Protein backbone atom coordinates (compact mmCIF):
# COMPACT_ATOMS: atom_id res chain seq x y z
CA MET A 1 -48.16 -13.42 66.65
CA GLU A 2 -51.81 -14.35 66.76
CA ASN A 3 -52.37 -12.43 63.56
CA LEU A 4 -49.51 -14.34 61.82
CA LEU A 5 -50.96 -17.72 62.85
CA LEU A 6 -54.39 -16.62 61.70
CA THR A 7 -53.01 -15.56 58.36
CA ILE A 8 -51.16 -18.88 57.83
CA GLN A 9 -54.27 -20.87 58.79
CA THR A 10 -56.38 -18.83 56.40
CA TRP A 11 -53.87 -19.30 53.57
CA LEU A 12 -53.69 -23.02 54.07
CA THR A 13 -57.49 -23.22 54.10
CA ASP A 14 -57.88 -21.13 51.04
CA HIS A 15 -55.32 -22.99 48.93
CA ASP A 16 -56.35 -26.45 50.12
CA ILE A 17 -52.65 -27.51 50.33
CA TRP A 18 -53.31 -30.57 52.42
CA ASN A 19 -55.83 -31.93 50.04
CA ARG A 20 -53.49 -31.37 47.09
CA LEU A 21 -50.66 -33.02 48.95
CA ASN A 22 -52.76 -36.03 49.75
CA GLU A 23 -53.85 -36.28 46.12
CA TRP A 24 -50.28 -36.07 44.94
CA LEU A 25 -49.16 -38.77 47.37
CA ILE A 26 -52.02 -41.08 46.41
CA GLU A 27 -51.24 -40.56 42.74
CA ASN A 28 -47.42 -40.70 42.83
CA VAL A 29 -46.30 -42.83 45.76
CA PRO A 30 -47.14 -46.08 43.94
CA ARG A 31 -45.05 -44.90 41.05
CA ILE A 32 -42.14 -44.01 43.28
CA ILE A 33 -42.33 -47.36 45.05
CA PHE A 34 -42.52 -49.16 41.71
CA ALA A 35 -39.55 -47.19 40.38
CA ILE A 36 -37.50 -48.13 43.46
CA VAL A 37 -38.53 -51.78 43.00
CA ILE A 38 -37.37 -51.57 39.37
CA LEU A 39 -34.00 -50.24 40.46
CA ILE A 40 -33.52 -52.94 43.15
CA VAL A 41 -34.70 -55.82 40.96
CA GLY A 42 -32.94 -54.42 37.86
CA ARG A 43 -29.61 -54.28 39.71
CA TRP A 44 -30.03 -57.86 40.90
CA VAL A 45 -30.94 -58.98 37.36
CA ALA A 46 -27.95 -57.09 35.93
CA THR A 47 -25.63 -58.87 38.39
CA LEU A 48 -27.26 -62.25 37.70
CA ILE A 49 -27.09 -61.97 33.91
CA SER A 50 -23.57 -60.63 33.76
CA ARG A 51 -22.34 -63.45 35.98
CA MET A 52 -24.27 -66.06 34.03
CA ILE A 53 -22.70 -64.83 30.77
CA GLU A 54 -19.25 -64.86 32.38
CA LYS A 55 -19.70 -68.48 33.55
CA ALA A 56 -21.02 -69.45 30.11
CA MET A 57 -17.94 -67.90 28.50
CA HIS A 58 -15.75 -69.85 30.97
CA ARG A 59 -17.44 -73.08 30.01
CA ALA A 60 -16.97 -72.24 26.32
CA HIS A 61 -13.24 -71.77 27.08
CA PHE A 62 -13.16 -68.10 26.27
CA ASP A 63 -10.15 -66.15 27.58
CA VAL A 64 -10.56 -65.17 31.22
CA THR A 65 -9.67 -61.55 30.42
CA LEU A 66 -12.42 -61.34 27.80
CA SER A 67 -15.10 -62.92 29.98
CA THR A 68 -14.33 -60.62 32.90
CA PHE A 69 -14.39 -57.55 30.67
CA ALA A 70 -17.69 -58.71 29.15
CA ARG A 71 -19.18 -59.11 32.65
CA HIS A 72 -18.45 -55.52 33.63
CA LEU A 73 -19.62 -54.16 30.25
CA ILE A 74 -22.95 -56.06 30.26
CA TYR A 75 -23.60 -55.14 33.88
CA THR A 76 -23.14 -51.47 33.12
CA ALA A 77 -25.34 -51.58 29.97
CA ILE A 78 -28.21 -53.33 31.81
CA LEU A 79 -27.99 -50.93 34.75
CA VAL A 80 -28.31 -47.92 32.42
CA PHE A 81 -31.41 -49.47 30.85
CA VAL A 82 -32.89 -50.14 34.33
CA ILE A 83 -32.32 -46.47 35.33
CA VAL A 84 -34.08 -45.22 32.18
CA ALA A 85 -36.99 -47.60 32.87
CA ALA A 86 -37.34 -46.32 36.45
CA LEU A 87 -37.34 -42.73 35.29
CA ALA A 88 -39.99 -43.56 32.67
CA LYS A 89 -42.11 -45.12 35.40
CA LEU A 90 -41.98 -41.82 37.29
CA GLY A 91 -43.53 -40.14 34.31
CA MET A 92 -40.44 -38.67 32.63
CA GLU A 93 -40.47 -38.66 28.83
CA THR A 94 -37.72 -41.01 27.72
CA ALA A 95 -37.32 -39.15 24.40
CA SER A 96 -36.65 -35.86 26.09
CA PHE A 97 -34.59 -37.74 28.62
CA ALA A 98 -32.50 -39.18 25.84
CA VAL A 99 -31.89 -35.64 24.47
CA VAL A 100 -30.88 -34.44 27.87
CA VAL A 101 -28.64 -37.43 28.35
CA GLY A 102 -27.06 -36.80 24.97
CA ALA A 103 -26.28 -33.21 25.76
CA ALA A 104 -25.07 -34.11 29.22
CA GLY A 105 -23.07 -36.96 27.70
CA LEU A 106 -21.21 -34.53 25.48
CA ALA A 107 -20.34 -32.27 28.38
CA ILE A 108 -19.41 -35.18 30.60
CA GLY A 109 -17.40 -36.70 27.79
CA LEU A 110 -15.29 -33.58 27.47
CA ALA A 111 -14.83 -33.51 31.25
CA LEU A 112 -13.99 -37.19 31.47
CA GLN A 113 -11.63 -37.57 28.52
CA GLY A 114 -9.29 -39.59 30.73
CA SER A 115 -11.98 -42.11 31.62
CA LEU A 116 -13.07 -42.47 27.99
CA SER A 117 -9.48 -43.03 26.93
CA ASN A 118 -9.25 -45.69 29.63
CA PHE A 119 -12.35 -47.34 28.23
CA ALA A 120 -10.96 -47.28 24.71
CA ALA A 121 -7.71 -48.66 25.93
CA GLY A 122 -9.57 -51.46 27.65
CA VAL A 123 -11.28 -52.35 24.42
CA LEU A 124 -7.89 -52.46 22.68
CA LEU A 125 -6.45 -54.70 25.41
CA ILE A 126 -9.30 -57.15 24.80
CA ILE A 127 -8.93 -57.12 20.99
CA LEU A 128 -5.13 -57.11 20.73
CA LYS A 129 -4.56 -59.28 23.83
CA PRO A 130 -1.03 -58.16 24.73
CA ILE A 131 -1.81 -59.37 28.28
CA LYS A 132 -4.26 -61.64 29.92
CA VAL A 133 -5.28 -62.73 33.43
CA GLY A 134 -2.58 -64.77 35.07
CA ASP A 135 0.37 -63.19 33.17
CA PHE A 136 3.31 -61.98 35.21
CA VAL A 137 4.12 -58.54 33.75
CA GLU A 138 5.89 -55.26 34.37
CA ILE A 139 3.72 -52.24 33.53
CA ALA A 140 4.39 -48.59 34.41
CA GLY A 141 7.10 -49.62 36.83
CA THR A 142 4.97 -52.24 38.60
CA ARG A 143 5.70 -55.95 38.53
CA GLY A 144 3.03 -58.52 39.34
CA THR A 145 0.36 -60.98 38.22
CA ILE A 146 -2.67 -59.68 36.34
CA THR A 147 -5.86 -60.61 38.22
CA GLU A 148 -8.40 -58.64 36.23
CA VAL A 149 -8.81 -56.37 33.22
CA GLU A 150 -11.79 -54.11 33.89
CA ILE A 151 -13.51 -51.51 31.74
CA PHE A 152 -11.32 -48.68 32.96
CA ASN A 153 -8.49 -50.30 34.94
CA THR A 154 -6.17 -53.25 34.99
CA ILE A 155 -5.60 -54.86 38.43
CA ILE A 156 -2.24 -56.39 39.32
CA ASN A 157 -1.16 -58.24 42.41
CA THR A 158 2.53 -57.74 43.21
CA PRO A 159 4.68 -60.67 44.50
CA ASP A 160 4.32 -59.30 48.06
CA ASN A 161 0.48 -59.32 47.59
CA ILE A 162 -0.08 -55.59 47.10
CA ARG A 163 -3.18 -54.86 44.94
CA THR A 164 -2.23 -52.31 42.31
CA ILE A 165 -4.78 -50.61 40.05
CA ILE A 166 -3.44 -49.15 36.81
CA PRO A 167 -5.56 -47.10 34.34
CA ASN A 168 -5.90 -48.88 31.03
CA SER A 169 -4.53 -45.85 29.15
CA HIS A 170 -1.32 -46.20 31.12
CA VAL A 171 -1.12 -49.89 30.18
CA THR A 172 -1.44 -49.29 26.47
CA GLY A 173 0.66 -46.10 26.57
CA ALA A 174 3.69 -47.71 28.20
CA ASN A 175 6.10 -50.56 27.54
CA ILE A 176 4.70 -53.94 28.61
CA LEU A 177 7.14 -56.55 29.77
CA ASN A 178 5.27 -59.88 29.68
CA TYR A 179 7.34 -62.50 31.39
CA THR A 180 4.72 -65.24 30.87
CA ALA A 181 3.73 -64.91 27.23
CA ASN A 182 6.55 -67.05 25.71
CA GLY A 183 6.27 -69.85 28.21
CA THR A 184 10.01 -70.10 28.95
CA ARG A 185 12.66 -67.81 30.51
CA ARG A 186 16.39 -67.78 30.73
CA LEU A 187 18.18 -67.71 34.08
CA ASP A 188 21.08 -65.33 34.19
CA LEU A 189 23.38 -66.47 36.97
CA VAL A 190 26.98 -65.34 37.67
CA PHE A 191 29.54 -67.22 39.81
CA SER A 192 33.06 -66.08 40.67
CA ILE A 193 36.18 -68.18 41.13
CA SER A 194 39.69 -67.11 42.10
CA TYR A 195 42.36 -66.37 39.46
CA GLY A 196 44.33 -69.38 40.75
CA ASP A 197 41.44 -71.81 40.19
CA ASP A 198 41.01 -73.99 37.07
CA ILE A 199 38.30 -72.54 34.80
CA ARG A 200 37.82 -75.86 33.04
CA LYS A 201 37.22 -77.65 36.35
CA ALA A 202 34.71 -74.99 37.39
CA ARG A 203 32.89 -75.48 34.06
CA LEU A 204 32.68 -79.26 34.54
CA ILE A 205 31.36 -78.87 38.07
CA ILE A 206 28.69 -76.42 36.91
CA MET A 207 27.71 -78.69 33.97
CA ASP A 208 27.28 -81.59 36.40
CA VAL A 209 24.97 -79.56 38.64
CA LEU A 210 22.89 -78.49 35.63
CA ALA A 211 22.61 -82.11 34.40
CA LYS A 212 21.19 -83.17 37.80
CA GLU A 213 18.57 -80.45 37.79
CA GLY A 214 15.63 -81.97 35.98
CA ARG A 215 13.68 -78.75 35.61
CA ILE A 216 16.19 -77.28 33.15
CA LEU A 217 15.02 -77.49 29.56
CA PRO A 218 17.27 -79.39 27.09
CA GLU A 219 16.59 -76.82 24.39
CA PRO A 220 17.90 -74.20 24.16
CA ARG A 221 21.00 -75.67 25.65
CA PRO A 222 22.48 -73.96 28.71
CA THR A 223 25.33 -71.51 28.15
CA ILE A 224 28.42 -71.50 30.39
CA GLY A 225 31.25 -69.02 29.65
CA VAL A 226 33.68 -66.54 31.12
CA LEU A 227 31.77 -63.30 31.54
CA GLN A 228 34.37 -60.97 32.99
CA LEU A 229 37.93 -60.86 34.39
CA ALA A 230 36.95 -58.86 37.45
CA ASP A 231 39.08 -57.14 40.09
CA SER A 232 38.70 -60.00 42.61
CA GLY A 233 38.22 -63.06 40.41
CA VAL A 234 36.92 -64.60 37.25
CA ASN A 235 33.14 -64.26 36.70
CA ILE A 236 31.46 -67.19 34.96
CA ALA A 237 28.05 -66.75 33.38
CA VAL A 238 25.53 -69.60 33.70
CA ARG A 239 22.43 -69.32 31.54
CA PRO A 240 19.98 -72.27 31.43
CA TRP A 241 16.40 -72.15 30.26
CA VAL A 242 13.37 -73.13 32.35
CA LYS A 243 9.58 -72.93 32.28
CA VAL A 244 8.13 -69.62 33.43
CA THR A 245 6.21 -71.28 36.26
CA GLU A 246 9.47 -72.78 37.65
CA TYR A 247 11.68 -69.77 37.22
CA TRP A 248 12.19 -68.73 40.81
CA ASP A 249 12.31 -72.27 42.21
CA VAL A 250 15.14 -73.18 39.86
CA TYR A 251 16.86 -69.82 40.39
CA PHE A 252 17.12 -70.31 44.14
CA ALA A 253 18.02 -73.96 43.86
CA LEU A 254 20.89 -73.46 41.33
CA ASN A 255 22.43 -70.60 43.31
CA GLU A 256 22.73 -72.89 46.33
CA ALA A 257 23.72 -76.08 44.52
CA ILE A 258 26.42 -74.52 42.37
CA LYS A 259 27.92 -72.63 45.30
CA LEU A 260 28.17 -75.82 47.39
CA ALA A 261 29.49 -77.84 44.42
CA LEU A 262 32.25 -75.28 43.69
CA GLU A 263 33.34 -75.33 47.34
CA ALA A 264 33.22 -79.15 47.48
CA GLY A 265 35.43 -79.22 44.36
CA GLY A 266 38.14 -77.18 46.15
CA LEU A 267 37.46 -74.00 44.25
CA THR A 268 37.48 -70.64 45.99
CA ILE A 269 34.69 -68.12 45.68
CA PRO A 270 36.54 -64.80 46.01
CA PHE A 271 35.44 -61.64 47.78
CA PRO A 272 36.85 -58.14 47.43
CA GLN A 273 40.26 -57.73 49.10
CA ARG A 274 42.63 -54.84 49.38
CA ASP A 275 46.35 -54.88 50.24
CA VAL A 276 47.47 -52.00 52.38
CA HIS A 277 51.14 -51.11 52.44
CA ILE A 278 52.41 -48.93 55.27
CA ILE A 279 55.54 -46.91 54.59
CA SER A 280 57.25 -45.71 57.74
CA GLN A 281 59.39 -42.61 57.62
CA GLU A 282 62.05 -41.45 60.03
CA PRO A 283 60.97 -38.39 61.93
CA VAL A 284 62.57 -35.20 60.69
CA LEU A 285 64.75 -33.59 63.39
CA SER A 286 64.85 -29.85 63.40
């Protein structure tokens, strides 16, 4: 054991490792500290600049979707530049680094084809604008309001406040139902009356309710007609038009108002009924 310790002590003395370590620290620690400072300050600057550009685009009345996308893109670009600057401060050759990054980028690109397709899809969403922030849509089986279109994902909040993140490639690769884009929507309501009730009276009652509802648009004019002669009664279709922002308020209000008006007018709202006939038979005597 004593021989081993003596050997190590001799080796350290001969190679002067401590002196070399001290020299390396004196020479490189300032660079490392400065590189860390560059990363910290650079990240802060990237956040500040990207948010300033987003606010400027808001003031210039750019689309919210475009300004949000631009913020994410600018932040990422500045952050990459900051990382390269920090590595250069550590003494790495940026030219060789660019070659390494290019080769690594090719390999990473092949491995991350899905992410690249999401990025390309995000660019298409910004250029073509099939959706924007604030639209109520149905995408990939999810209904909700778009809160943000990011570089790789689109974020939707469902009516029950569930945050849903959908890859942009799924957005552009699927059917998009945009309920907000046209500004107006048609309500499709159905009310039933009994076969013994007067259809013309029911129509007049429904027209009166629609006339009192100020949120219904005058054009296109509401449609009222017999939809189906069903098993239990006559189904009447009621189809007025409203603004998108008032769709559900008017939907709930009309269902209640028309139901009460039909009952007040003496009409009957049927429900499924079934007549059961019992046939009795005399017992068979053996």
